[in-house]
C-alpha cells in the first residue's frame, strides 16, 4: 500500500489586475479573464471587490453588469445581484462567488483559488 504525502501547501493562483487607484468608486465593474475564470473587479464605496462572472445556476452562462440597474444580471436565469454579488431576487436564489483580493505595493491581486 502506498501513501502519497504532500509537503507544503499548494500556492494560490494570484492574478494582478492593476493599481488600486485604477478602480474608482462609482465606475462600472471591469471584467477580466484568467486561468479559465471570468471575473469582475469594482470599487464599491471604497472597498475593492472581485466576483466571478459565472452564473449561479446555469453552466456556461455568464452574468453581465447592467449600468441602468446598477447590478449584475444573469441573462439565462433572470437573477439579479448587487454589486457585491448578493442575491436581489428575480430568479433562483444564490450569490455570486466573491474572490479574495490582496494589495501589494499599491497593486491589486485577485486570488482565483488553488489550481
Protein backbone atom coordinates (compact mmCIF):
# COMPACT_ATOMS: atom_id res chain seq x y z
CA UNK A 1 0.00 0.00 0.00
CA UNK A 2 1.30 3.40 -0.99
CA UNK A 3 0.51 6.67 0.76
CA UNK A 4 1.07 9.92 -1.05
CA UNK A 5 2.48 12.60 1.21
CA UNK A 6 2.41 16.18 0.07
CA UNK A 7 4.91 18.57 1.60
CA UNK A 8 3.88 22.20 1.76
CA UNK A 9 0.62 23.84 0.84
CA UNK A 10 -0.45 24.48 -2.74
CA UNK A 11 0.07 28.00 -4.00
CA UNK A 12 -2.97 30.12 -4.79
CA UNK A 13 -3.34 31.41 -8.33
CA UNK A 14 -2.93 35.15 -7.96
CA UNK A 15 -3.71 37.43 -10.89
CA UNK A 16 -2.63 41.06 -10.96
CA UNK A 17 -5.43 43.31 -12.21
CA UNK A 18 -3.85 46.75 -11.87
CA UNK A 19 -3.19 49.60 -9.49
CA UNK A 20 -5.74 50.13 -6.74
CA UNK A 21 -6.04 53.72 -7.95
CA UNK A 22 -7.30 52.41 -11.32
CA UNK A 23 -10.58 51.38 -9.71
CA UNK A 24 -12.57 54.44 -8.72
CA UNK A 25 -15.76 54.34 -6.67
CA UNK A 26 -18.81 54.64 -8.91
CA UNK A 27 -17.12 53.27 -12.03
CA UNK A 28 -18.63 50.29 -13.78
CA UNK A 29 -17.01 46.97 -12.92
CA UNK A 30 -14.24 45.79 -15.22
CA UNK A 31 -14.24 42.23 -16.49
CA UNK A 32 -11.10 40.10 -16.56
CA UNK A 33 -10.38 36.56 -17.66
CA UNK A 34 -7.52 34.40 -16.40
CA UNK A 35 -6.92 30.72 -15.72
CA UNK A 36 -10.25 29.86 -17.35
CA UNK A 37 -12.17 32.12 -14.94
CA UNK A 38 -14.01 35.32 -15.86
CA UNK A 39 -14.49 37.80 -13.03
CA UNK A 40 -15.42 41.40 -12.35
CA UNK A 41 -13.46 43.90 -10.26
CA UNK A 42 -15.01 47.05 -8.86
CA UNK A 43 -14.65 49.66 -6.15
CA UNK A 44 -17.82 49.70 -4.08
CA UNK A 45 -17.83 52.59 -1.59
CA UNK A 46 -14.05 52.34 -1.18
CA UNK A 47 -13.89 48.54 -0.95
CA UNK A 48 -12.19 46.72 -3.82
CA UNK A 49 -14.27 43.66 -4.70
CA UNK A 50 -13.84 40.76 -7.12
CA UNK A 51 -16.76 38.46 -8.04
CA UNK A 52 -16.98 35.65 -10.58
CA UNK A 53 -18.95 36.21 -13.75
CA UNK A 54 -20.23 32.63 -13.63
CA UNK A 55 -23.96 32.07 -13.39
CA UNK A 56 -25.01 30.53 -10.10
CA UNK A 57 -27.42 28.11 -11.79
CA UNK A 58 -26.60 27.51 -15.44
CA UNK A 59 -23.25 26.09 -16.52
CA UNK A 60 -21.64 28.15 -19.27
CA UNK A 61 -23.76 31.25 -18.70
CA UNK A 62 -22.06 34.47 -17.57
CA UNK A 63 -23.61 37.37 -15.72
CA UNK A 64 -23.22 40.90 -17.07
CA UNK A 65 -23.28 44.34 -15.50
CA UNK A 66 -26.36 46.48 -16.06
CA UNK A 67 -25.36 50.14 -15.66
CA UNK A 68 -29.03 51.15 -15.92
CA UNK A 69 -29.99 48.93 -12.96
CA UNK A 70 -26.63 49.26 -11.14
CA UNK A 71 -26.45 45.50 -10.63
CA UNK A 72 -25.29 42.22 -12.14
CA UNK A 73 -27.85 40.29 -14.19
CA UNK A 74 -27.86 36.62 -15.15
CA UNK A 75 -29.27 36.65 -18.71
CA UNK A 76 -30.00 32.91 -18.64
CA UNK A 77 -31.98 32.72 -15.39
CA UNK A 78 -33.01 36.37 -14.93
CA UNK A 79 -31.44 36.57 -11.48
CA UNK A 80 -30.27 39.96 -10.18
CA UNK A 81 -27.25 40.52 -7.92
CA UNK A 82 -25.94 43.52 -6.00
CA UNK A 83 -22.52 44.99 -6.85
CA UNK A 84 -21.14 42.81 -4.02
CA UNK A 85 -22.68 39.68 -5.59
CA UNK A 86 -25.61 39.29 -3.15
CA UNK A 87 -28.93 37.89 -4.41
CA UNK A 88 -31.50 40.61 -5.15
CA UNK A 89 -34.36 38.49 -6.39
CA UNK A 90 -35.92 37.70 -9.75
CA UNK A 91 -34.83 34.17 -10.44
CA UNK A 92 -33.38 31.32 -8.41
CA UNK A 93 -31.60 32.42 -5.22
CA UNK A 94 -27.86 32.25 -4.86
CA UNK A 95 -24.90 34.59 -4.63
CA UNK A 96 -22.02 35.27 -6.96
CA UNK A 97 -18.76 33.88 -5.65
CA UNK A 98 -16.59 36.55 -4.05
CA UNK A 99 -12.90 36.13 -4.76
CA UNK A 100 -10.27 37.14 -2.21
CA UNK A 101 -8.20 40.19 -3.09
CA UNK A 102 -4.74 41.20 -1.90
CA UNK A 103 -2.97 44.53 -2.08
CA UNK A 104 0.77 44.56 -2.68
CA UNK A 105 2.65 47.83 -3.13
CA UNK A 106 -0.49 49.60 -4.35
CA UNK A 107 -1.32 46.83 -6.84
CA UNK A 108 -4.44 44.67 -6.65
CA UNK A 109 -4.23 40.90 -6.97
CA UNK A 110 -7.19 38.52 -7.21
CA UNK A 111 -6.92 35.01 -5.78
CA UNK A 112 -8.58 32.59 -8.20
CA UNK A 113 -8.13 29.70 -5.79
CA UNK A 114 -5.91 26.69 -5.85
CA UNK A 115 -5.31 25.41 -9.36
